[in-house]
Protein backbone atom coordinates (compact mmCIF):
# COMPACT_ATOMS: atom_id res chain seq x y z
CA UNK A 1 6.76 -34.11 8.41
CA UNK A 2 5.26 -30.81 9.52
CA UNK A 3 6.31 -28.72 12.50
CA UNK A 4 3.61 -27.55 14.86
CA UNK A 5 3.31 -23.94 16.02
CA UNK A 6 0.83 -23.15 18.77
CA UNK A 7 -0.22 -19.50 19.19
CA UNK A 8 -1.91 -18.83 22.53
CA UNK A 9 -2.33 -15.05 22.64
CA UNK A 10 -4.72 -13.39 20.23
CA UNK A 11 -8.39 -12.71 19.56
CA UNK A 12 -11.05 -15.08 18.28
CA UNK A 13 -13.77 -12.79 16.95
CA UNK A 14 -16.82 -14.76 15.85
CA UNK A 15 -19.11 -12.79 13.55
CA UNK A 16 -22.32 -13.59 11.70
CA UNK A 17 -22.19 -13.96 7.94
CA UNK A 18 -19.68 -16.65 6.94
CA UNK A 19 -19.65 -17.67 3.28
CA UNK A 20 -21.03 -21.06 2.32
CA UNK A 21 -18.49 -23.47 0.85
CA UNK A 22 -19.99 -23.13 -2.63
CA UNK A 23 -18.01 -21.83 -5.59
CA UNK A 24 -19.90 -19.98 -8.33
CA UNK A 25 -18.91 -17.85 -11.32
CA UNK A 26 -19.45 -14.14 -10.72
CA UNK A 27 -21.01 -12.11 -13.56
CA UNK A 28 -18.23 -10.72 -15.72
CA UNK A 29 -17.62 -7.08 -14.88
CA UNK A 30 -17.79 -4.63 -17.76
CA UNK A 31 -14.84 -2.79 -16.24
CA UNK A 32 -11.89 -3.80 -14.08
CA UNK A 33 -9.35 -1.61 -12.32
CA UNK A 34 -5.76 -1.73 -11.16
CA UNK A 35 -5.23 0.67 -8.26
CA UNK A 36 -1.64 1.87 -7.65
CA UNK A 37 -2.45 2.76 -4.00
CA UNK A 38 -2.79 -1.00 -3.39
CA UNK A 39 1.00 -1.22 -3.83
CA UNK A 40 2.46 0.76 -0.99
CA UNK A 41 5.54 2.86 -1.82
CA UNK A 42 5.16 2.22 -5.58
CA UNK A 43 5.21 5.35 -7.77
CA UNK A 44 3.64 4.24 -11.09
CA UNK A 45 5.04 5.23 -14.47
CA UNK A 46 2.47 4.61 -17.20
CA UNK A 47 3.48 2.88 -20.43
CA UNK A 48 0.03 3.07 -22.06
CA UNK A 49 -2.51 5.82 -22.61
CA UNK A 50 -6.29 6.00 -22.53
CA UNK A 51 -7.74 4.13 -25.49
CA UNK A 52 -4.88 1.62 -25.70
CA UNK A 53 -5.84 -1.98 -26.53
CA UNK A 54 -4.52 -4.58 -24.12
CA UNK A 55 -4.16 -8.32 -23.87
CA UNK A 56 -4.32 -9.95 -20.45
CA UNK A 57 -0.71 -9.79 -19.30
CA UNK A 58 0.25 -6.62 -21.18
CA UNK A 59 2.18 -4.05 -19.15
CA UNK A 60 0.23 -1.04 -17.86
CA UNK A 61 2.79 0.67 -15.64
CA UNK A 62 6.03 -0.02 -13.82
CA UNK A 63 7.52 1.10 -10.52
CA UNK A 64 9.53 4.31 -10.79
CA UNK A 65 12.12 3.27 -8.22
CA UNK A 66 12.31 -0.45 -9.03
CA UNK A 67 11.77 -0.42 -12.78
CA UNK A 68 12.02 -4.20 -13.10
CA UNK A 69 8.67 -4.59 -11.28
CA UNK A 70 5.90 -4.37 -13.86
CA UNK A 71 2.15 -4.29 -13.36
CA UNK A 72 0.09 -5.96 -16.04
CA UNK A 73 -3.54 -6.11 -17.11
CA UNK A 74 -5.71 -8.81 -15.48
CA UNK A 75 -8.07 -8.89 -18.48
CA UNK A 76 -8.01 -8.00 -22.15
CA UNK A 77 -9.77 -4.85 -23.25
CA UNK A 78 -9.26 -1.10 -23.68
CA UNK A 79 -7.95 1.48 -21.21
CA UNK A 80 -11.13 3.42 -20.51
CA UNK A 81 -9.88 5.95 -17.98
CA UNK A 82 -6.87 6.86 -15.86
CA UNK A 83 -8.22 8.45 -12.68
CA UNK A 84 -5.96 10.91 -10.93
CA UNK A 85 -6.08 12.64 -7.56
CA UNK A 86 -4.12 15.46 -5.97
CA UNK A 87 -0.82 16.33 -7.66
CA UNK A 88 -1.91 14.08 -10.55
CA UNK A 89 -1.38 10.99 -8.44
CA UNK A 90 -2.78 7.95 -10.29
CA UNK A 91 -5.61 6.38 -8.29
CA UNK A 92 -7.12 3.89 -10.74
CA UNK A 93 -6.49 2.53 -14.20
CA UNK A 94 -9.91 1.39 -15.45
CA UNK A 95 -10.08 -1.22 -18.21
CA UNK A 96 -13.18 -1.81 -20.31
CA UNK A 97 -13.05 -5.58 -20.62
CA UNK A 98 -13.65 -7.79 -23.64
CA UNK A 99 -16.39 -10.40 -23.40
CA UNK A 100 -13.68 -13.06 -23.21
CA UNK A 101 -10.01 -12.71 -22.36
CA UNK A 102 -7.26 -12.85 -24.95
CA UNK A 103 -3.87 -13.57 -23.43
CA UNK A 104 -0.34 -12.49 -24.13
CA UNK A 105 1.78 -15.60 -24.63
CA UNK A 106 4.91 -15.63 -22.46
CA UNK A 107 5.72 -19.23 -23.40
CA UNK A 108 5.71 -22.28 -21.16
CA UNK A 109 8.66 -22.92 -18.85
CA UNK A 110 9.51 -25.72 -16.41
CA UNK A 111 10.28 -23.80 -13.24
CA UNK A 112 11.91 -26.79 -11.56
CA UNK A 113 14.62 -27.13 -14.22
CA UNK A 114 14.94 -23.59 -15.59
CA UNK A 115 17.79 -21.27 -14.72
CA UNK A 116 17.13 -19.04 -11.68
CA UNK A 117 17.74 -15.86 -13.70
CA UNK A 118 15.20 -16.94 -16.34
CA UNK A 119 12.63 -17.78 -13.65
CA UNK A 120 12.97 -14.37 -12.02
CA UNK A 121 12.74 -12.61 -15.37
CA UNK A 122 9.58 -14.52 -16.29
CA UNK A 123 7.97 -13.53 -13.00
CA UNK A 124 8.84 -9.87 -13.57
CA UNK A 125 7.85 -9.77 -17.26
CA UNK A 126 4.42 -11.28 -16.57
CA UNK A 127 3.61 -8.83 -13.77
CA UNK A 128 3.78 -11.49 -11.06
CA UNK A 129 6.47 -9.55 -9.23
CA UNK A 130 3.57 -7.51 -7.84
CA UNK A 131 2.47 -10.55 -5.80
CA UNK A 132 5.75 -10.81 -3.88
CA UNK A 133 5.96 -8.67 -0.75
CA UNK A 134 8.97 -7.91 1.35
CA UNK A 135 9.47 -7.89 5.09
CA UNK A 136 10.51 -5.63 6.71
CA UNK A 137 8.28 -2.70 5.69
CA UNK A 138 5.48 -4.76 4.03
CA UNK A 139 6.10 -3.40 0.54
CA UNK A 140 6.58 -4.86 -2.95
CA UNK A 141 9.84 -6.82 -2.99
CA UNK A 142 12.87 -5.36 -4.73
CA UNK A 143 14.05 -7.97 -7.27
CA UNK A 144 17.66 -6.87 -6.73
CA UNK A 145 17.49 -8.27 -3.18
CA UNK A 146 18.02 -11.91 -2.23
CA UNK A 147 15.71 -13.02 0.57
CA UNK A 148 16.95 -15.33 3.30
CA UNK A 149 13.61 -17.20 3.14
CA UNK A 150 10.14 -17.06 1.55
CA UNK A 151 6.90 -17.56 3.49
CA UNK A 152 3.45 -18.64 2.29
CA UNK A 153 0.54 -18.54 4.73
CA UNK A 154 -2.43 -20.83 4.09
CA UNK A 155 -3.84 -20.20 7.57
CA UNK A 156 -7.23 -18.50 8.00
CA UNK A 157 -7.85 -16.75 11.34
CA UNK A 158 -9.17 -13.25 10.52
CA UNK A 159 -12.90 -12.81 11.21
CA UNK A 160 -15.03 -13.90 8.21
CA UNK A 161 -11.93 -14.22 6.01
CA UNK A 162 -12.15 -16.51 2.99
CA UNK A 163 -10.98 -20.06 3.73
CA UNK A 164 -7.59 -20.43 2.01
CA UNK A 165 -7.88 -24.20 1.85
CA UNK A 166 -11.17 -23.97 -0.04
CA UNK A 167 -9.77 -21.25 -2.33
CA UNK A 168 -6.71 -23.28 -3.37
CA UNK A 169 -8.09 -26.83 -3.46
CA UNK A 170 -8.64 -26.87 -7.25
CA UNK A 171 -5.33 -25.14 -8.06
CA UNK A 172 -2.81 -27.52 -6.51
CA UNK A 173 -0.83 -28.17 -9.72
CA UNK A 174 -0.34 -24.44 -10.34
CA UNK A 175 0.51 -23.92 -6.67
CA UNK A 176 3.20 -26.60 -6.85
CA UNK A 177 4.72 -25.04 -9.96
CA UNK A 178 4.74 -21.71 -8.17
CA UNK A 179 6.68 -23.29 -5.30
CA UNK A 180 9.30 -24.56 -7.76
CA UNK A 181 9.65 -20.99 -9.05
CA UNK A 182 10.06 -19.56 -5.54
CA UNK A 183 12.83 -22.07 -4.78
CA UNK A 184 14.92 -20.38 -7.47
CA UNK A 185 14.59 -16.97 -5.79
CA UNK A 186 16.19 -17.77 -2.42
CA UNK A 187 19.15 -19.77 -1.12
CA UNK A 188 17.10 -20.45 2.00
CA UNK A 189 13.89 -22.32 2.68
CA UNK A 190 10.38 -21.86 1.37
CA UNK A 191 8.09 -22.09 4.40
CA UNK A 192 4.44 -23.12 4.00
CA UNK A 193 2.15 -22.55 6.99
CA UNK A 194 -1.12 -24.49 7.02
CA UNK A 195 -4.14 -25.01 9.29
CA UNK A 196 -6.40 -28.03 9.65
CA UNK A 197 -8.38 -27.26 6.50
CA UNK A 198 -5.62 -26.23 4.11
CA UNK A 199 -3.36 -29.07 5.28
CA UNK A 200 -5.59 -31.67 3.64
CA UNK A 201 -4.93 -30.09 0.23
CA UNK A 202 -1.32 -28.96 0.68
CA UNK A 203 0.24 -31.75 2.76
CA UNK A 204 1.96 -33.30 -0.29
CA UNK A 205 3.47 -30.11 -1.70
CA UNK A 206 7.15 -30.62 -2.51
CA UNK A 207 9.99 -28.19 -1.97
CA UNK A 208 8.62 -26.53 1.17
CA UNK A 209 8.99 -26.82 4.91
CA UNK A 210 5.45 -27.22 6.26
CA UNK A 211 4.39 -25.73 9.59
CA UNK A 212 1.02 -26.59 11.12
CA UNK A 213 -0.26 -23.44 12.85
CA UNK A 214 -3.01 -23.34 15.48
CA UNK A 215 -4.33 -20.46 17.53
CA UNK A 216 -6.48 -17.33 17.47
CA UNK A 217 -6.03 -14.36 15.18
CA UNK A 218 -3.43 -13.09 14.23
CA UNK A 219 -1.95 -16.60 14.02
CA UNK A 220 -2.78 -16.57 10.29
CA UNK A 221 -0.70 -13.44 9.66
CA UNK A 222 2.54 -14.21 7.89
CA UNK A 223 4.35 -11.70 10.12
CA UNK A 224 3.51 -13.72 13.24
CA UNK A 225 4.66 -16.90 11.51
CA UNK A 226 7.97 -15.33 10.48
CA UNK A 227 8.44 -14.14 14.07
CA UNK A 228 7.98 -17.67 15.41
CA UNK A 229 9.95 -19.55 12.72
CA UNK A 230 12.74 -17.33 11.37
CA UNK A 231 12.77 -13.80 12.85
CA UNK A 232 14.05 -10.88 10.79
CA UNK A 233 17.20 -9.06 11.89
CA UNK A 234 18.37 -5.67 10.68
CA UNK A 235 19.56 -5.83 7.08
CA UNK A 236 17.79 -9.11 6.30
CA UNK A 237 14.96 -9.61 3.79
CA UNK A 238 12.13 -12.14 3.84
CA UNK A 239 9.63 -12.39 0.99
CA UNK A 240 5.99 -13.42 1.29
CA UNK A 241 3.42 -14.61 -1.25
CA UNK A 242 -0.33 -15.19 -0.93
CA UNK A 243 -1.79 -18.64 -1.59
CA UNK A 244 -3.87 -17.82 -4.67
CA UNK A 245 -1.22 -15.40 -5.90
CA UNK A 246 1.26 -18.28 -5.95
CA UNK A 247 -1.13 -20.29 -8.12
CA UNK A 248 -1.23 -17.38 -10.59
CA UNK A 249 2.58 -17.40 -10.69
CA UNK A 250 2.54 -21.16 -11.27
CA UNK A 251 0.07 -20.80 -14.13
CA UNK A 252 2.43 -18.42 -15.94
CA UNK A 253 4.97 -21.26 -16.09
CA UNK A 254 2.46 -24.03 -16.84
CA UNK A 255 0.45 -22.24 -19.55
CA UNK A 256 2.54 -19.22 -20.53
CA UNK A 257 -0.42 -16.98 -19.67
CA UNK A 258 -1.07 -14.46 -16.91
CA UNK A 259 -4.41 -15.80 -15.62
CA UNK A 260 -5.24 -13.29 -12.90
CA UNK A 261 -8.15 -15.29 -11.49
CA UNK A 262 -9.38 -14.26 -8.07
CA UNK A 263 -11.71 -16.12 -5.70
CA UNK A 264 -13.79 -13.70 -3.62
CA UNK A 265 -15.70 -14.74 -0.50
CA UNK A 266 -18.80 -12.57 -0.05
CA UNK A 267 -19.30 -12.35 3.72
CA UNK A 268 -20.99 -10.32 6.43
CA UNK A 269 -24.41 -10.10 8.02
CA UNK A 270 -25.67 -7.68 5.33
CA UNK A 271 -24.66 -9.89 2.38
CA UNK A 272 -27.44 -11.93 0.81
CA UNK A 273 -25.72 -14.57 -1.34
CA UNK A 274 -22.80 -15.46 0.89
CA UNK A 275 -20.71 -17.72 -1.31
CA UNK A 276 -17.32 -17.88 -3.03
CA UNK A 277 -17.18 -16.18 -6.43
CA UNK A 278 -14.61 -16.64 -9.17
CA UNK A 279 -13.67 -13.52 -11.10
CA UNK A 280 -10.50 -11.63 -12.04
CA UNK A 281 -8.35 -9.20 -10.10
CA UNK A 282 -9.84 -5.71 -9.92
CA UNK A 283 -13.48 -6.71 -10.45
CA UNK A 284 -16.32 -4.26 -9.86
CA UNK A 285 -17.60 -4.87 -6.34
CA UNK A 286 -21.26 -4.37 -7.31
CA UNK A 287 -21.06 -7.31 -9.74
CA UNK A 288 -19.98 -9.55 -6.85
CA UNK A 289 -22.57 -8.25 -4.40
CA UNK A 290 -25.27 -8.55 -7.07
CA UNK A 291 -26.79 -5.10 -6.55
CA UNK A 292 -26.05 -1.66 -5.17
CA UNK A 293 -26.43 -1.43 -1.40
CA UNK A 294 -27.79 1.40 0.73
CA UNK A 295 -25.79 3.89 2.75
CA UNK A 296 -26.72 1.88 5.86
CA UNK A 297 -24.27 -0.84 4.77
CA UNK A 298 -20.46 -0.61 4.84
CA UNK A 299 -18.74 -2.30 1.89
CA UNK A 300 -15.23 -3.49 2.76
CA UNK A 301 -12.67 -4.88 0.35
CA UNK A 302 -10.87 -7.36 2.59
CA UNK A 303 -11.64 -8.51 6.11
CA UNK A 304 -13.39 -6.35 8.69
CA UNK A 305 -10.19 -5.58 10.64
CA UNK A 306 -7.80 -4.61 7.84
CA UNK A 307 -9.95 -4.01 4.75
CA UNK A 308 -10.59 -0.83 2.76
CA UNK A 309 -13.98 0.88 2.53
CA UNK A 310 -15.58 0.91 -0.92
CA UNK A 311 -18.62 2.55 -2.46
CA UNK A 312 -20.98 1.01 -4.98
CA UNK A 313 -19.34 0.38 -8.38
CA UNK A 314 -15.81 0.70 -7.04
CA UNK A 315 -13.24 -2.07 -7.42
CA UNK A 316 -11.98 -4.89 -5.21
CA UNK A 317 -8.39 -4.52 -3.98
CA UNK A 318 -5.55 -6.28 -5.81
CA UNK A 319 -4.70 -8.69 -2.98
CA UNK A 320 -8.16 -9.19 -1.44
CA UNK A 321 -10.00 -12.52 -1.31
CA UNK A 322 -13.14 -11.28 0.40
CA UNK A 323 -15.77 -8.57 0.30
CA UNK A 324 -17.42 -7.88 3.66
CA UNK A 325 -20.80 -6.21 4.19
CA UNK A 326 -21.63 -5.05 7.72
CA UNK A 327 -24.00 -2.42 9.16
CA UNK A 328 -22.86 1.18 9.31
CA UNK A 329 -22.37 2.51 12.82
CA UNK A 330 -24.28 5.73 12.29
CA UNK A 331 -26.88 5.32 15.04
CA UNK A 332 -26.60 6.40 18.65
CA UNK A 333 -27.10 3.68 21.25
CA UNK A 334 -29.06 4.95 24.24
CA UNK A 335 -27.32 3.89 27.47
CA UNK A 336 -24.82 1.96 25.35
CA UNK A 337 -22.42 1.78 28.30
CA UNK A 338 -24.80 -0.49 30.24
CA UNK A 339 -23.73 -4.14 29.79
CA UNK A 340 -27.24 -5.53 30.36
CA UNK A 341 -28.83 -3.27 27.72
CA UNK A 342 -27.16 -4.69 24.61
CA UNK A 343 -26.41 -8.41 24.78
CA UNK A 344 -25.33 -8.58 21.13
CA UNK A 345 -22.23 -6.42 21.68
CA UNK A 346 -18.86 -8.15 21.67
CA UNK A 347 -16.25 -6.95 24.14
CA UNK A 348 -12.82 -8.37 24.82
CA UNK A 349 -13.11 -7.11 28.38
CA UNK A 350 -16.01 -7.61 30.78
CA UNK A 351 -17.80 -4.37 29.94
CA UNK A 352 -20.53 -6.45 28.29
CA UNK A 353 -21.83 -9.96 28.81
CA UNK A 354 -19.86 -11.36 25.86
CA UNK A 355 -17.50 -13.25 28.17
CA UNK A 356 -20.43 -15.41 29.31
CA UNK A 357 -21.02 -16.65 25.72
CA UNK A 358 -17.61 -17.59 24.26
CA UNK A 359 -19.12 -19.31 21.19
CA UNK A 360 -21.75 -16.70 20.37
CA UNK A 361 -21.58 -14.98 16.97
CA UNK A 362 -22.01 -11.22 16.85
CA UNK A 363 -23.22 -8.68 14.34
CA UNK A 364 -21.18 -5.53 15.01
CA UNK A 365 -21.44 -2.16 13.32
CA UNK A 366 -18.65 0.23 12.37
CA UNK A 367 -19.38 2.50 15.35
CA UNK A 368 -16.22 3.46 17.27
CA UNK A 369 -18.27 3.88 20.48
CA UNK A 370 -16.17 6.81 21.61
CA UNK A 371 -13.53 9.30 20.58
CA UNK A 372 -9.73 9.07 20.66
CA UNK A 373 -8.27 8.90 24.16
CA UNK A 374 -4.88 8.77 25.82
CA UNK A 375 -2.91 5.52 25.81
CA UNK A 376 -3.17 3.87 29.21
CA UNK A 377 -1.09 0.94 30.44
CA UNK A 378 -3.66 -1.85 30.85
CA UNK A 379 -1.93 -4.89 29.35
CA UNK A 380 -4.76 -5.35 26.83
CA UNK A 381 -2.47 -4.94 23.82
CA UNK A 382 -0.13 -7.71 24.91
CA UNK A 383 -3.07 -10.12 25.25
CA UNK A 384 -3.82 -10.04 21.52
CA UNK A 385 -0.34 -9.61 19.99
CA UNK A 386 1.55 -12.94 20.09
CA UNK A 387 4.98 -11.43 19.36
CA UNK A 388 7.87 -10.77 21.72
CA UNK A 389 7.67 -7.00 21.44
CA UNK A 390 6.21 -4.21 23.55
CA UNK A 391 3.29 -2.93 21.43
CA UNK A 392 2.44 0.23 23.35
CA UNK A 393 6.06 1.36 23.50
CA UNK A 394 6.48 0.68 19.76
CA UNK A 395 3.31 2.63 18.96
CA UNK A 396 4.55 5.59 20.99
CA UNK A 397 7.95 5.45 19.29
CA UNK A 398 6.23 5.51 15.88
CA UNK A 399 4.10 8.47 16.92
CA UNK A 400 7.21 10.32 18.11
CA UNK A 401 9.25 9.37 15.04
CA UNK A 402 12.06 7.99 17.22
CA UNK A 403 13.99 5.77 14.79
CA UNK A 404 16.41 4.32 17.34
CA UNK A 405 13.61 3.24 19.66
CA UNK A 406 11.58 1.82 16.77
CA UNK A 407 14.54 -0.34 15.78
CA UNK A 408 15.10 -1.53 19.35
CA UNK A 409 11.41 -2.29 19.83
CA UNK A 410 11.04 -4.51 16.75
CA UNK A 411 9.74 -2.32 13.91
CA UNK A 412 11.45 -4.59 11.36
CA UNK A 413 9.26 -7.55 12.35
CA UNK A 414 5.81 -6.00 12.14
CA UNK A 415 3.28 -4.86 9.56
CA UNK A 416 0.09 -2.84 10.07
CA UNK A 417 -2.10 -5.97 9.83
CA UNK A 418 -0.34 -7.45 12.87
CA UNK A 419 -1.83 -4.63 14.95
CA UNK A 420 -5.41 -5.04 13.70
CA UNK A 421 -6.55 -6.95 16.79
CA UNK A 422 -4.69 -4.45 18.99
CA UNK A 423 -6.55 -1.60 17.27
CA UNK A 424 -9.89 -3.36 17.74
CA UNK A 425 -9.48 -4.08 21.46
CA UNK A 426 -7.55 -1.00 22.58
CA UNK A 427 -9.55 1.57 24.54
CA UNK A 428 -7.57 4.50 23.10
CA UNK A 429 -9.56 4.34 19.81
CA UNK A 430 -6.38 5.31 17.93
CA UNK A 431 -5.87 4.33 14.29
CA UNK A 432 -2.99 2.07 15.30
CA UNK A 433 -2.51 0.39 11.93
CA UNK A 434 -2.03 3.82 10.36
CA UNK A 435 0.47 4.75 13.10
CA UNK A 436 2.53 1.61 12.37
CA UNK A 437 2.36 2.31 8.63
CA UNK A 438 3.69 5.83 9.13
CA UNK A 439 6.46 4.43 11.31
CA UNK A 440 7.45 1.95 8.62
CA UNK A 441 7.41 4.70 5.98
CA UNK A 442 9.75 6.76 8.13
CA UNK A 443 12.13 3.81 8.40
CA UNK A 444 12.10 3.38 4.60
CA UNK A 445 12.97 7.06 4.15
CA UNK A 446 15.66 7.28 6.83
CA UNK A 447 17.17 3.79 6.88
CA UNK A 448 16.20 2.17 3.54
């Protein structure tokens, strides 16, 4: 029997450009890429060089500070290039892919009956440790830790985000095996949060405590769910895993192969063939879009609130299940402050006529509509953050680097994505997600 969680505060942002519920095979990219910046706080140590031949599942690099966490190739092929930035920081490892994948064989294993130590080692050896994130700090989990619980969110609330129920519906067996593996990693519970759509596919999953979540964004964020179900105290660890990532983990046990398949929803008003595409992690974004797009279009790996900007022929992020295409905000709007002039502008306040059309879908641009301003106490942040914390005070504490205040105000319970709706609605125009990220990084350095 599931437990119901009702989230009342938040933001329902309806945008044009949802993907049709049709799954098609994306053209196979000639090159794929693993990007170390996708794994926050990981310092990569390469184990292969340019020109090395790889099988899917072969190790590419490991984490300098947690050497047990390995990062493996999503496809078979040859290391074409290792791109570096300032101070020789590794930005991308580009793999020239074979026409068909050849897989490293890790051997099949029954996760439900295997020893916990063997299960953890299989996850680490195959590179699946990269899929397990830790709260607090929203970083790759340290395998030396023991989490008090593990959370899986199959709830979709972010604007235009890929429907997790549709993504996982044909991978239930692998998902179940992944759950059996997670059970061996914690003495506590494995929590599975579902919405109306994903519940129809996941209602019979064994070994989890199911929570039925309803409400506006960010109800689908795993951080909000942890806050409502089993809050994090200082010194505690909670691990989180994505829905499709868990199916990849399960496949390692069922088949003995690291099948890094990724379902990408192509969304946004500027996208032409808005469907769901099957490919592999690190695919070239142009192969999913179908063509190069003009400079008038913003390509985003991820959803429109938390995603990363890409250019043509760059690569989709490791964890992302959607590619969003929306208009660039590079045009000045004459008399843009007049609410009657632009009826297609969404506003969470009553500065436009959006409040008269609660079900209308909008087609926003990336325009900030103003410069950075001072933080003013308006109560607008609290309206879209359904957590028992004071968001403005926490943001100020992060900006000031005040560790004691950050701890008292709930820094251990939040991640940058939890503040995406706050960043969108707040009149200060500050990069609030970046502020929270810097605050978390400070806590890692000073507290650990």
